[in-house]
Amino acid sequence: MLAYDFHETTPSLHDGLGKRIIVRDDRLGRVETLIVASTLATRDREEAIRSRVMRLAGLPLAVPVPVHGVERVGGELHVTSACINGLRLSTMLEELEAGNLELPDRGVLQLIARVFRTVADFHQMGGQLAHGALSPAHVVLTEQGTIALTDFVYGSALESLEWNREQLWHTFGLALPSAASCVRFDQRSDVTQLGALALALLLRRPVRSTEYPREMAPLVCEAAERYADVGSGLRTWLQELLQLHSRAAFASAVDASRALTHLLEEAAGRRASYHVIGVRGHRVVARVPSAAGRA
């Protein structure tokens, strides 16, 4: 059993979306309010955010973390969401890099698979739904071991900026596919964002602001070399996620998740598997099967 004591305070995510505060509401309990960055707080983009909130209001709770309200406070735009007990993957990456947290190779792969299955479920909810802002800062490993997606209402507002992918990466930490004109924040873009997220987890550190998109190819090779039993297939899978060669990229997280599941199932007979259990009492917990279970 591996355990890590962790207490997450009010997040400072450096994700470009704005400033966050956590407060206790008499009716809703602990809530997080994002004071939206001025770039995204214009009237037109406010309407895009409100429209996304309404569209997703009927989805199952905790898959996308529910948004309680959008309101103007003076000259500011506030978006209030539920607080989820768990660990943001951005924080996990920082702790892994600092050596304060250990997670075995199999645990990393199982965690990535769980993230992809969650986004695949989100993509299958109908109407070509896309998240639009899938960075490690917006994915939470909950106390129950499930994956929760936060900040899913900004995709249309981000798309309306009409920025190139270098600007979007440096400002918001979002990886986007190359495009001849304006970048679309659709399911294919979600896949590219998931590719950068998976690469960071495999490397056990955040992807640097200077590394995307030009350093992706060598980083993919570096990451895949660490996982000998699935290395070749893992490299190809990452290359398709990040559109690093001419083969057709995955159209959605559904396709990408299926491909990863197939890859891991092929390797399952060649090694014992660790399983990420979740976050319990501010601890990241992983368990390895007993010797008897591996026999």
C-alpha atoms as a PDB file:
ATOM      1  CA  MET A   1       0.000   0.000   0.000  1.00  0.00           C
ATOM      2  CA  LEU A   2       1.360   3.405  -1.008  1.00  0.00           C
ATOM      3  CA  ALA A   3      -0.045   6.475   0.718  1.00  0.00           C
ATOM      4  CA  TYR A   4       0.654  10.171   0.502  1.00  0.00           C
ATOM      5  CA  ASP A   5      -0.697  12.760   2.927  1.00  0.00           C
ATOM      6  CA  PHE A   6      -1.986  15.735   1.006  1.00  0.00           C
ATOM      7  CA  HIS A   7      -4.087  18.802   1.781  1.00  0.00           C
ATOM      8  CA  GLU A   8      -5.211  20.960  -1.126  1.00  0.00           C
ATOM      9  CA  THR A   9      -5.868  24.597  -0.291  1.00  0.00           C
ATOM     10  CA  THR A  10      -7.565  27.164  -2.521  1.00  0.00           C
ATOM     11  CA  PRO A  11      -6.135  26.266  -5.943  1.00  0.00           C
ATOM     12  CA  SER A  12      -3.809  28.567  -7.834  1.00  0.00           C
ATOM     13  CA  LEU A  13      -3.949  26.743 -11.128  1.00  0.00           C
ATOM     14  CA  HIS A  14      -2.211  29.172 -13.495  1.00  0.00           C
ATOM     15  CA  ASP A  15      -4.636  27.970 -16.185  1.00  0.00           C
ATOM     16  CA  GLY A  16      -5.433  31.407 -17.571  1.00  0.00           C
ATOM     17  CA  LEU A  17      -9.157  31.162 -16.830  1.00  0.00           C
ATOM     18  CA  GLY A  18      -9.073  33.520 -13.870  1.00  0.00           C
ATOM     19  CA  LYS A  19      -8.768  33.645 -10.080  1.00  0.00           C
ATOM     20  CA  ARG A  20     -10.433  31.019  -7.879  1.00  0.00           C
ATOM     21  CA  ILE A  21     -11.780  31.305  -4.373  1.00  0.00           C
ATOM     22  CA  ILE A  22     -13.342  28.577  -2.224  1.00  0.00           C
ATOM     23  CA  VAL A  23     -16.115  29.551   0.180  1.00  0.00           C
ATOM     24  CA  ARG A  24     -18.856  27.822   2.164  1.00  0.00           C
ATOM     25  CA  ASP A  25     -22.397  28.443   1.003  1.00  0.00           C
ATOM     26  CA  ASP A  26     -25.229  27.962   3.533  1.00  0.00           C
ATOM     27  CA  ARG A  27     -27.255  25.960   1.019  1.00  0.00           C
ATOM     28  CA  LEU A  28     -24.656  24.314  -1.219  1.00  0.00           C
ATOM     29  CA  GLY A  29     -21.753  23.725   1.160  1.00  0.00           C
ATOM     30  CA  ARG A  30     -18.205  24.274  -0.140  1.00  0.00           C
ATOM     31  CA  VAL A  31     -18.218  25.911  -3.544  1.00  0.00           C
ATOM     32  CA  GLU A  32     -15.531  27.248  -5.857  1.00  0.00           C
ATOM     33  CA  THR A  33     -16.010  30.591  -7.565  1.00  0.00           C
ATOM     34  CA  LEU A  34     -13.954  31.446 -10.629  1.00  0.00           C
ATOM     35  CA  ILE A  35     -13.553  35.172 -11.200  1.00  0.00           C
ATOM     36  CA  VAL A  36     -13.253  34.858 -14.959  1.00  0.00           C
ATOM     37  CA  ALA A  37     -10.270  36.467 -16.674  1.00  0.00           C
ATOM     38  CA  SER A  38     -11.186  39.688 -18.472  1.00  0.00           C
ATOM     39  CA  THR A  39     -10.310  38.126 -21.838  1.00  0.00           C
ATOM     40  CA  LEU A  40     -13.182  35.654 -21.408  1.00  0.00           C
ATOM     41  CA  ALA A  41     -15.537  37.927 -19.452  1.00  0.00           C
ATOM     42  CA  THR A  42     -16.874  40.030 -22.333  1.00  0.00           C
ATOM     43  CA  ARG A  43     -20.641  40.090 -22.845  1.00  0.00           C
ATOM     44  CA  ASP A  44     -20.495  37.856 -25.928  1.00  0.00           C
ATOM     45  CA  ARG A  45     -18.334  35.287 -24.182  1.00  0.00           C
ATOM     46  CA  GLU A  46     -20.497  35.447 -21.086  1.00  0.00           C
ATOM     47  CA  GLU A  47     -23.431  34.392 -23.258  1.00  0.00           C
ATOM     48  CA  ALA A  48     -21.341  31.532 -24.662  1.00  0.00           C
ATOM     49  CA  ILE A  49     -20.551  30.377 -21.111  1.00  0.00           C
ATOM     50  CA  ARG A  50     -24.195  30.643 -20.024  1.00  0.00           C
ATOM     51  CA  SER A  51     -25.305  28.717 -23.098  1.00  0.00           C
ATOM     52  CA  ARG A  52     -22.881  25.893 -22.299  1.00  0.00           C
ATOM     53  CA  VAL A  53     -24.067  25.768 -18.678  1.00  0.00           C
ATOM     54  CA  MET A  54     -27.674  25.407 -19.833  1.00  0.00           C
ATOM     55  CA  ARG A  55     -26.795  22.755 -22.398  1.00  0.00           C
ATOM     56  CA  LEU A  56     -24.970  20.591 -19.880  1.00  0.00           C
ATOM     57  CA  ALA A  57     -27.246  21.186 -16.891  1.00  0.00           C
ATOM     58  CA  GLY A  58     -29.010  17.838 -17.307  1.00  0.00           C
ATOM     59  CA  LEU A  59     -25.920  15.672 -17.431  1.00  0.00           C
ATOM     60  CA  PRO A  60     -25.122  13.235 -14.594  1.00  0.00           C
ATOM     61  CA  LEU A  61     -23.554  14.973 -11.617  1.00  0.00           C
ATOM     62  CA  ALA A  62     -19.834  14.697 -10.885  1.00  0.00           C
ATOM     63  CA  VAL A  63     -18.855  13.603 -14.407  1.00  0.00           C
ATOM     64  CA  PRO A  64     -18.763  17.205 -15.340  1.00  0.00           C
ATOM     65  CA  VAL A  65     -18.656  18.959 -11.965  1.00  0.00           C
ATOM     66  CA  PRO A  66     -21.979  20.840 -11.664  1.00  0.00           C
ATOM     67  CA  VAL A  67     -22.065  24.618 -12.146  1.00  0.00           C
ATOM     68  CA  HIS A  68     -24.345  26.370  -9.669  1.00  0.00           C
ATOM     69  CA  GLY A  69     -24.467  29.809 -11.223  1.00  0.00           C
ATOM     70  CA  VAL A  70     -23.071  32.503 -13.492  1.00  0.00           C
ATOM     71  CA  GLU A  71     -23.452  36.112 -12.408  1.00  0.00           C
ATOM     72  CA  ARG A  72     -22.101  39.611 -12.858  1.00  0.00           C
ATOM     73  CA  VAL A  73     -20.631  41.156  -9.709  1.00  0.00           C
ATOM     74  CA  GLY A  74     -19.714  44.724 -10.461  1.00  0.00           C
ATOM     75  CA  GLY A  75     -17.491  44.529 -13.501  1.00  0.00           C
ATOM     76  CA  GLU A  76     -16.553  40.891 -12.876  1.00  0.00           C
ATOM     77  CA  LEU A  77     -17.994  37.639 -14.184  1.00  0.00           C
ATOM     78  CA  HIS A  78     -18.271  34.921 -11.510  1.00  0.00           C
ATOM     79  CA  VAL A  79     -18.859  31.234 -12.251  1.00  0.00           C
ATOM     80  CA  THR A  80     -19.664  29.159  -9.164  1.00  0.00           C
ATOM     81  CA  SER A  81     -19.228  25.373  -9.195  1.00  0.00           C
ATOM     82  CA  ALA A  82     -19.323  22.497  -6.746  1.00  0.00           C
ATOM     83  CA  CYS A  83     -16.132  21.664  -4.845  1.00  0.00           C
ATOM     84  CA  ILE A  84     -14.977  18.099  -5.425  1.00  0.00           C
ATOM     85  CA  ASN A  85     -12.952  16.320  -2.746  1.00  0.00           C
ATOM     86  CA  GLY A  86      -9.924  14.925  -4.476  1.00  0.00           C
ATOM     87  CA  LEU A  87      -6.655  15.696  -6.163  1.00  0.00           C
ATOM     88  CA  ARG A  88      -6.249  17.709  -9.348  1.00  0.00           C
ATOM     89  CA  LEU A  89      -3.916  16.015 -11.798  1.00  0.00           C
ATOM     90  CA  SER A  90      -1.928  19.247 -12.104  1.00  0.00           C
ATOM     91  CA  THR A  91      -1.129  19.018  -8.393  1.00  0.00           C
ATOM     92  CA  MET A  92      -0.358  15.309  -8.714  1.00  0.00           C
ATOM     93  CA  LEU A  93       2.158  16.069 -11.483  1.00  0.00           C
ATOM     94  CA  GLU A  94       3.871  18.721  -9.377  1.00  0.00           C
ATOM     95  CA  GLU A  95       4.132  16.317  -6.437  1.00  0.00           C
ATOM     96  CA  LEU A  96       5.418  13.490  -8.643  1.00  0.00           C
ATOM     97  CA  GLU A  97       8.109  15.734 -10.109  1.00  0.00           C
ATOM     98  CA  ALA A  98       9.140  16.966  -6.657  1.00  0.00           C
ATOM     99  CA  GLY A  99       9.473  13.389  -5.416  1.00  0.00           C
ATOM    100  CA  ASN A 100       6.767  13.861  -2.779  1.00  0.00           C
ATOM    101  CA  LEU A 101       4.496  11.286  -4.398  1.00  0.00           C
ATOM    102  CA  GLU A 102       5.223   7.867  -5.886  1.00  0.00           C
ATOM    103  CA  LEU A 103       3.029   6.048  -8.360  1.00  0.00           C
ATOM    104  CA  PRO A 104       4.116   2.801 -10.074  1.00  0.00           C
ATOM    105  CA  ASP A 105       4.118   2.462 -13.852  1.00  0.00           C
ATOM    106  CA  ARG A 106       1.010   0.304 -13.848  1.00  0.00           C
ATOM    107  CA  GLY A 107      -0.752   2.831 -11.633  1.00  0.00           C
ATOM    108  CA  VAL A 108       0.039   5.588 -14.131  1.00  0.00           C
ATOM    109  CA  LEU A 109      -1.370   3.542 -17.015  1.00  0.00           C
ATOM    110  CA  GLN A 110      -4.498   2.624 -15.087  1.00  0.00           C
ATOM    111  CA  LEU A 111      -5.057   6.261 -14.153  1.00  0.00           C
ATOM    112  CA  ILE A 112      -4.691   7.371 -17.778  1.00  0.00           C
ATOM    113  CA  ALA A 113      -7.138   4.658 -18.860  1.00  0.00           C
ATOM    114  CA  ARG A 114      -9.635   5.861 -16.257  1.00  0.00           C
ATOM    115  CA  VAL A 115      -9.361   9.469 -17.451  1.00  0.00           C
ATOM    116  CA  PHE A 116      -9.915   8.415 -21.063  1.00  0.00           C
ATOM    117  CA  ARG A 117     -12.937   6.273 -20.175  1.00  0.00           C
ATOM    118  CA  THR A 118     -14.483   9.210 -18.334  1.00  0.00           C
ATOM    119  CA  VAL A 119     -14.022  11.590 -21.256  1.00  0.00           C
ATOM    120  CA  ALA A 120     -15.276   8.882 -23.633  1.00  0.00           C
ATOM    121  CA  ASP A 121     -18.456   8.641 -21.550  1.00  0.00           C
ATOM    122  CA  PHE A 122     -18.747  12.428 -21.734  1.00  0.00           C
ATOM    123  CA  HIS A 123     -18.355  12.370 -25.523  1.00  0.00           C
ATOM    124  CA  GLN A 124     -21.068   9.729 -25.812  1.00  0.00           C
ATOM    125  CA  MET A 125     -23.671  11.802 -23.998  1.00  0.00           C
ATOM    126  CA  GLY A 126     -24.974  13.130 -27.293  1.00  0.00           C
ATOM    127  CA  GLY A 127     -24.800  16.115 -29.593  1.00  0.00           C
ATOM    128  CA  GLN A 128     -21.061  15.927 -30.257  1.00  0.00           C
ATOM    129  CA  LEU A 129     -20.308  17.240 -26.785  1.00  0.00           C
ATOM    130  CA  ALA A 130     -16.765  18.472 -26.234  1.00  0.00           C
ATOM    131  CA  HIS A 131     -15.105  19.654 -23.041  1.00  0.00           C
ATOM    132  CA  GLY A 132     -12.792  22.222 -24.613  1.00  0.00           C
ATOM    133  CA  ALA A 133     -10.381  22.751 -21.704  1.00  0.00           C
ATOM    134  CA  LEU A 134      -8.943  19.344 -20.812  1.00  0.00           C
ATOM    135  CA  SER A 135      -5.755  20.226 -19.006  1.00  0.00           C
ATOM    136  CA  PRO A 136      -4.416  18.421 -15.895  1.00  0.00           C
ATOM    137  CA  ALA A 137      -5.741  21.350 -13.833  1.00  0.00           C
ATOM    138  CA  HIS A 138      -9.300  20.478 -14.845  1.00  0.00           C
ATOM    139  CA  VAL A 139      -9.278  16.739 -14.116  1.00  0.00           C
ATOM    140  CA  VAL A 140      -9.743  15.528 -10.526  1.00  0.00           C
ATOM    141  CA  LEU A 141      -9.072  12.096  -9.045  1.00  0.00           C
ATOM    142  CA  THR A 142     -11.814  11.928  -6.409  1.00  0.00           C
ATOM    143  CA  GLU A 143     -11.772  10.305  -2.988  1.00  0.00           C
ATOM    144  CA  GLN A 144     -13.883   7.476  -4.449  1.00  0.00           C
ATOM    145  CA  GLY A 145     -11.339   6.800  -7.205  1.00  0.00           C
ATOM    146  CA  THR A 146     -13.534   8.213  -9.969  1.00  0.00           C
ATOM    147  CA  ILE A 147     -12.571  10.985 -12.374  1.00  0.00           C
ATOM    148  CA  ALA A 148     -14.376  14.335 -12.286  1.00  0.00           C
ATOM    149  CA  LEU A 149     -14.094  16.956 -15.026  1.00  0.00           C
ATOM    150  CA  THR A 150     -14.115  20.639 -14.081  1.00  0.00           C
ATOM    151  CA  ASP A 151     -14.216  23.869 -16.110  1.00  0.00           C
ATOM    152  CA  PHE A 152     -16.153  22.357 -19.006  1.00  0.00           C
ATOM    153  CA  VAL A 153     -18.178  25.470 -19.873  1.00  0.00           C
ATOM    154  CA  TYR A 154     -15.452  27.603 -21.465  1.00  0.00           C
ATOM    155  CA  GLY A 155     -14.846  25.835 -24.781  1.00  0.00           C
ATOM    156  CA  SER A 156     -17.062  28.074 -26.912  1.00  0.00           C
ATOM    157  CA  ALA A 157     -15.687  31.219 -25.284  1.00  0.00           C
ATOM    158  CA  LEU A 158     -12.122  30.012 -25.851  1.00  0.00           C
ATOM    159  CA  GLU A 159     -12.883  29.160 -29.484  1.00  0.00           C
ATOM    160  CA  SER A 160     -14.280  32.656 -30.046  1.00  0.00           C
ATOM    161  CA  LEU A 161     -10.851  34.144 -29.241  1.00  0.00           C
ATOM    162  CA  GLU A 162      -9.654  32.779 -32.611  1.00  0.00           C
ATOM    163  CA  TRP A 163      -6.118  32.422 -31.288  1.00  0.00           C
ATOM    164  CA  ASN A 164      -3.482  30.123 -32.743  1.00  0.00           C
ATOM    165  CA  ARG A 165      -2.488  27.041 -30.794  1.00  0.00           C
ATOM    166  CA  GLU A 166       0.767  28.527 -29.516  1.00  0.00           C
ATOM    167  CA  GLN A 167      -1.178  31.388 -27.891  1.00  0.00           C
ATOM    168  CA  LEU A 168      -3.730  28.970 -26.440  1.00  0.00           C
ATOM    169  CA  TRP A 169      -0.992  26.750 -25.015  1.00  0.00           C
ATOM    170  CA  HIS A 170       1.011  29.580 -23.432  1.00  0.00           C
ATOM    171  CA  THR A 171      -2.035  31.336 -21.960  1.00  0.00           C
ATOM    172  CA  PHE A 172      -4.334  28.449 -20.991  1.00  0.00           C
ATOM    173  CA  GLY A 173      -2.089  25.373 -21.066  1.00  0.00           C
ATOM    174  CA  LEU A 174      -4.314  23.743 -23.690  1.00  0.00           C
ATOM    175  CA  ALA A 175      -2.899  21.594 -26.474  1.00  0.00           C
ATOM    176  CA  LEU A 176      -4.804  21.943 -29.740  1.00  0.00           C
ATOM    177  CA  PRO A 177      -4.389  20.279 -33.136  1.00  0.00           C
ATOM    178  CA  SER A 178      -2.887  22.236 -35.993  1.00  0.00           C
ATOM    179  CA  ALA A 179      -5.443  23.952 -38.212  1.00  0.00           C
ATOM    180  CA  ALA A 180      -5.370  25.827 -41.501  1.00  0.00           C
ATOM    181  CA  SER A 181      -7.643  28.521 -40.047  1.00  0.00           C
ATOM    182  CA  CYS A 182      -9.180  28.954 -36.596  1.00  0.00           C
ATOM    183  CA  VAL A 183      -8.897  26.080 -34.148  1.00  0.00           C
ATOM    184  CA  ARG A 184     -12.160  24.250 -33.430  1.00  0.00           C
ATOM    185  CA  PHE A 185     -12.820  23.253 -29.819  1.00  0.00           C
ATOM    186  CA  ASP A 186     -14.480  19.963 -30.708  1.00  0.00           C
ATOM    187  CA  GLN A 187     -14.023  16.318 -29.717  1.00  0.00           C
ATOM    188  CA  ARG A 188     -10.924  16.004 -31.889  1.00  0.00           C
ATOM    189  CA  SER A 189      -9.392  18.906 -29.975  1.00  0.00           C
ATOM    190  CA  ASP A 190     -10.325  17.175 -26.721  1.00  0.00           C
ATOM    191  CA  VAL A 191      -8.311  14.171 -27.936  1.00  0.00           C
ATOM    192  CA  THR A 192      -5.222  16.318 -28.513  1.00  0.00           C
ATOM    193  CA  GLN A 193      -5.627  17.860 -25.068  1.00  0.00           C
ATOM    194  CA  LEU A 194      -5.881  14.352 -23.596  1.00  0.00           C
ATOM    195  CA  GLY A 195      -2.709  13.412 -25.464  1.00  0.00           C
ATOM    196  CA  ALA A 196      -0.732  16.167 -23.723  1.00  0.00           C
ATOM    197  CA  LEU A 197      -2.294  15.161 -20.392  1.00  0.00           C
ATOM    198  CA  ALA A 198      -1.390  11.490 -20.880  1.00  0.00           C
ATOM    199  CA  LEU A 199       2.155  12.421 -21.907  1.00  0.00           C
ATOM    200  CA  ALA A 200       2.619  14.483 -18.741  1.00  0.00           C
ATOM    201  CA  LEU A 201       1.425  11.604 -16.543  1.00  0.00           C
ATOM    202  CA  LEU A 202       3.741   9.160 -18.311  1.00  0.00           C
ATOM    203  CA  LEU A 203       6.656  11.556 -17.775  1.00  0.00           C
ATOM    204  CA  ARG A 204       5.495  12.192 -14.196  1.00  0.00           C
ATOM    205  CA  ARG A 205       5.870  15.948 -14.616  1.00  0.00           C
ATOM    206  CA  PRO A 206       4.063  18.872 -16.262  1.00  0.00           C
ATOM    207  CA  VAL A 207       4.775  19.539 -19.921  1.00  0.00           C
ATOM    208  CA  ARG A 208       6.743  22.798 -20.070  1.00  0.00           C
ATOM    209  CA  SER A 209       5.442  25.912 -21.777  1.00  0.00           C
ATOM    210  CA  THR A 210       8.414  25.729 -24.174  1.00  0.00           C
ATOM    211  CA  GLU A 211       7.864  22.063 -25.110  1.00  0.00           C
ATOM    212  CA  TYR A 212       4.570  22.239 -26.989  1.00  0.00           C
ATOM    213  CA  PRO A 213       4.236  21.690 -29.878  1.00  0.00           C
ATOM    214  CA  ARG A 214       7.823  21.461 -31.132  1.00  0.00           C
ATOM    215  CA  GLU A 215       9.234  19.008 -28.574  1.00  0.00           C
ATOM    216  CA  MET A 216       6.366  16.525 -28.621  1.00  0.00           C
ATOM    217  CA  ALA A 217       8.007  13.877 -30.821  1.00  0.00           C
ATOM    218  CA  PRO A 218      11.127  13.326 -28.653  1.00  0.00           C
ATOM    219  CA  LEU A 219       9.050  13.509 -25.459  1.00  0.00           C
ATOM    220  CA  VAL A 220       6.714  10.795 -26.764  1.00  0.00           C
ATOM    221  CA  CYS A 221       9.707   8.541 -27.438  1.00  0.00           C
ATOM    222  CA  GLU A 222      11.150   9.290 -23.996  1.00  0.00           C
ATOM    223  CA  ALA A 223       7.849   8.487 -22.296  1.00  0.00           C
ATOM    224  CA  ALA A 224       7.251   5.258 -24.235  1.00  0.00           C
ATOM    225  CA  GLU A 225      10.747   3.934 -23.470  1.00  0.00           C
ATOM    226  CA  ARG A 226       9.868   3.866 -19.764  1.00  0.00           C
ATOM    227  CA  TYR A 227       7.111   1.294 -20.349  1.00  0.00           C
ATOM    228  CA  ALA A 228       8.897  -1.631 -21.982  1.00  0.00           C
ATOM    229  CA  ASP A 229       5.958  -4.040 -22.100  1.00  0.00           C
ATOM    230  CA  VAL A 230       3.719  -1.587 -23.972  1.00  0.00           C
ATOM    231  CA  GLY A 231       6.347   0.826 -25.317  1.00  0.00           C
ATOM    232  CA  SER A 232       5.880   0.405 -29.075  1.00  0.00           C
ATOM    233  CA  GLY A 233       2.108   0.472 -28.983  1.00  0.00           C
ATOM    234  CA  LEU A 234       2.104   3.296 -26.465  1.00  0.00           C
ATOM    235  CA  ARG A 235       4.348   5.403 -28.683  1.00  0.00           C
ATOM    236  CA  THR A 236       2.056   4.929 -31.689  1.00  0.00           C
ATOM    237  CA  TRP A 237      -1.014   5.706 -29.595  1.00  0.00           C
ATOM    238  CA  LEU A 238       0.505   8.946 -28.292  1.00  0.00           C
ATOM    239  CA  GLN A 239       1.602   9.940 -31.789  1.00  0.00           C
ATOM    240  CA  GLU A 240      -1.964   9.579 -33.022  1.00  0.00           C
ATOM    241  CA  LEU A 241      -3.373  11.517 -30.086  1.00  0.00           C
ATOM    242  CA  LEU A 242      -0.967  14.393 -30.722  1.00  0.00           C
ATOM    243  CA  GLN A 243      -1.180  14.139 -34.536  1.00  0.00           C
ATOM    244  CA  LEU A 244       2.545  13.562 -34.942  1.00  0.00           C
ATOM    245  CA  HIS A 245       2.348  11.522 -38.128  1.00  0.00           C
ATOM    246  CA  SER A 246       0.158  11.149 -41.179  1.00  0.00           C
ATOM    247  CA  ARG A 247      -2.054   8.361 -39.835  1.00  0.00           C
ATOM    248  CA  ALA A 248      -5.645   9.335 -39.118  1.00  0.00           C
ATOM    249  CA  ALA A 249      -6.015  10.803 -35.641  1.00  0.00           C
ATOM    250  CA  PHE A 250      -8.715   9.639 -33.251  1.00  0.00           C
ATOM    251  CA  ALA A 251     -11.995  11.430 -33.850  1.00  0.00           C
ATOM    252  CA  SER A 252     -13.093  11.235 -30.221  1.00  0.00           C
ATOM    253  CA  ALA A 253     -12.088   9.978 -26.790  1.00  0.00           C
ATOM    254  CA  VAL A 254     -14.262   6.920 -27.457  1.00  0.00           C
ATOM    255  CA  ASP A 255     -11.882   5.725 -30.180  1.00  0.00           C
ATOM    256  CA  ALA A 256      -8.793   6.685 -28.166  1.00  0.00           C
ATOM    257  CA  SER A 257     -10.041   4.927 -25.031  1.00  0.00           C
ATOM    258  CA  ARG A 258     -10.815   1.727 -26.936  1.00  0.00           C
ATOM    259  CA  ALA A 259      -7.345   1.725 -28.478  1.00  0.00           C
ATOM    260  CA  LEU A 260      -5.701   2.149 -25.065  1.00  0.00           C
ATOM    261  CA  THR A 261      -7.857  -0.588 -23.524  1.00  0.00           C
ATOM    262  CA  HIS A 262      -6.827  -2.956 -26.311  1.00  0.00           C
ATOM    263  CA  LEU A 263      -3.168  -2.043 -25.797  1.00  0.00           C
ATOM    264  CA  LEU A 264      -3.319  -2.674 -22.053  1.00  0.00           C
ATOM    265  CA  GLU A 265      -5.266  -5.918 -22.439  1.00  0.00           C
ATOM    266  CA  GLU A 266      -2.612  -7.241 -24.806  1.00  0.00           C
ATOM    267  CA  ALA A 267       0.031  -6.566 -22.158  1.00  0.00           C
ATOM    268  CA  ALA A 268      -2.050  -7.790 -19.207  1.00  0.00           C
ATOM    269  CA  GLY A 269      -0.800 -11.353 -19.415  1.00  0.00           C
ATOM    270  CA  ARG A 270       2.830 -10.247 -19.301  1.00  0.00           C
ATOM    271  CA  ARG A 271       2.860  -8.426 -15.995  1.00  0.00           C
ATOM    272  CA  ALA A 272       1.049  -7.871 -12.681  1.00  0.00           C
ATOM    273  CA  SER A 273      -1.213  -4.842 -12.613  1.00  0.00           C
ATOM    274  CA  TYR A 274      -1.321  -2.044 -10.085  1.00  0.00           C
ATOM    275  CA  HIS A 275      -4.654  -0.322  -9.583  1.00  0.00           C
ATOM    276  CA  VAL A 276      -5.155   3.278  -8.573  1.00  0.00           C
ATOM    277  CA  ILE A 277      -7.756   3.251  -5.811  1.00  0.00           C
ATOM    278  CA  GLY A 278      -8.244   6.967  -5.326  1.00  0.00           C
ATOM    279  CA  VAL A 279      -7.746   9.726  -2.800  1.00  0.00           C
ATOM    280  CA  ARG A 280      -8.707   8.864   0.767  1.00  0.00           C
ATOM    281  CA  GLY A 281      -8.428  11.390   3.568  1.00  0.00           C
ATOM    282  CA  HIS A 282      -6.097  13.577   1.464  1.00  0.00           C
ATOM    283  CA  ARG A 283      -4.017  10.518   0.536  1.00  0.00           C
ATOM    284  CA  VAL A 284      -3.301   9.106  -2.897  1.00  0.00           C
ATOM    285  CA  VAL A 285      -3.617   5.341  -2.582  1.00  0.00           C
ATOM    286  CA  ALA A 286      -2.446   2.532  -4.886  1.00  0.00           C
ATOM    287  CA  ARG A 287      -2.512  -1.217  -4.302  1.00  0.00           C
ATOM    288  CA  VAL A 288      -0.513  -4.045  -5.874  1.00  0.00           C
ATOM    289  CA  PRO A 289      -1.860  -7.619  -6.009  1.00  0.00           C
ATOM    290  CA  SER A 290      -0.427 -10.122  -3.530  1.00  0.00           C
ATOM    291  CA  ALA A 291       2.059 -12.770  -4.602  1.00  0.00           C
ATOM    292  CA  ALA A 292      -0.734 -15.340  -4.453  1.00  0.00           C
ATOM    293  CA  GLY A 293      -2.880 -13.181  -6.696  1.00  0.00           C
ATOM    294  CA  ARG A 294      -0.075 -12.954  -9.247  1.00  0.00           C
ATOM    295  CA  ALA A 295       0.559 -16.690  -9.363  1.00  0.00           C
END
